[in-house]
Amino acid sequence: MIIGFNINTWLSVFIVTSLLYGIGMGLFQSPNNSVIMSSVPKSELGIAGSINALARNLGMMLGTSFSTMVLFTSISIKTGTHIVKYPVGFDNLFIFGMKNTFIVALILTIIAEIITTIRFISIKRATS
């Protein structure tokens, strides 16, 4: 849905999209953490929780850095100049960069889903 945003997108559309994103994350995070923590012996719960938090925080940090790089690289390529901060007065350039950033994120998500599905199927076959 975010990929379809443009400079004239209504605030209500942004709010609904954000709510859907928040609900999706809420429905995913708790069960995911529960599965991770329940697969670890009680004596190692502290270590598992720490590694889980490290992976989550490292992923957010790297994801933010990578997304910012894609954003400003897209804007720089579009303008033909090196852009390193918000292009004041050129909101369409920012929207263009954000759209490209979300397209890259979507592609990476699809690749991750394919890898996960292949791994899940191979594990199911091995246990059958």
Foldseek 3Di string as FASTA:
>chain_A
DLLPDAPPDDVVVVVVVVVVVVVVCVVPVPVVVVVQQVVDPPVCSVVSVVVVVVVVVVCVVVLVVVLLVQLQVQLCVVVVHRDDDDPPPCVRSNSRSNSRSVVVVVVVVVVVVVVVVVVVVVVVVVVD
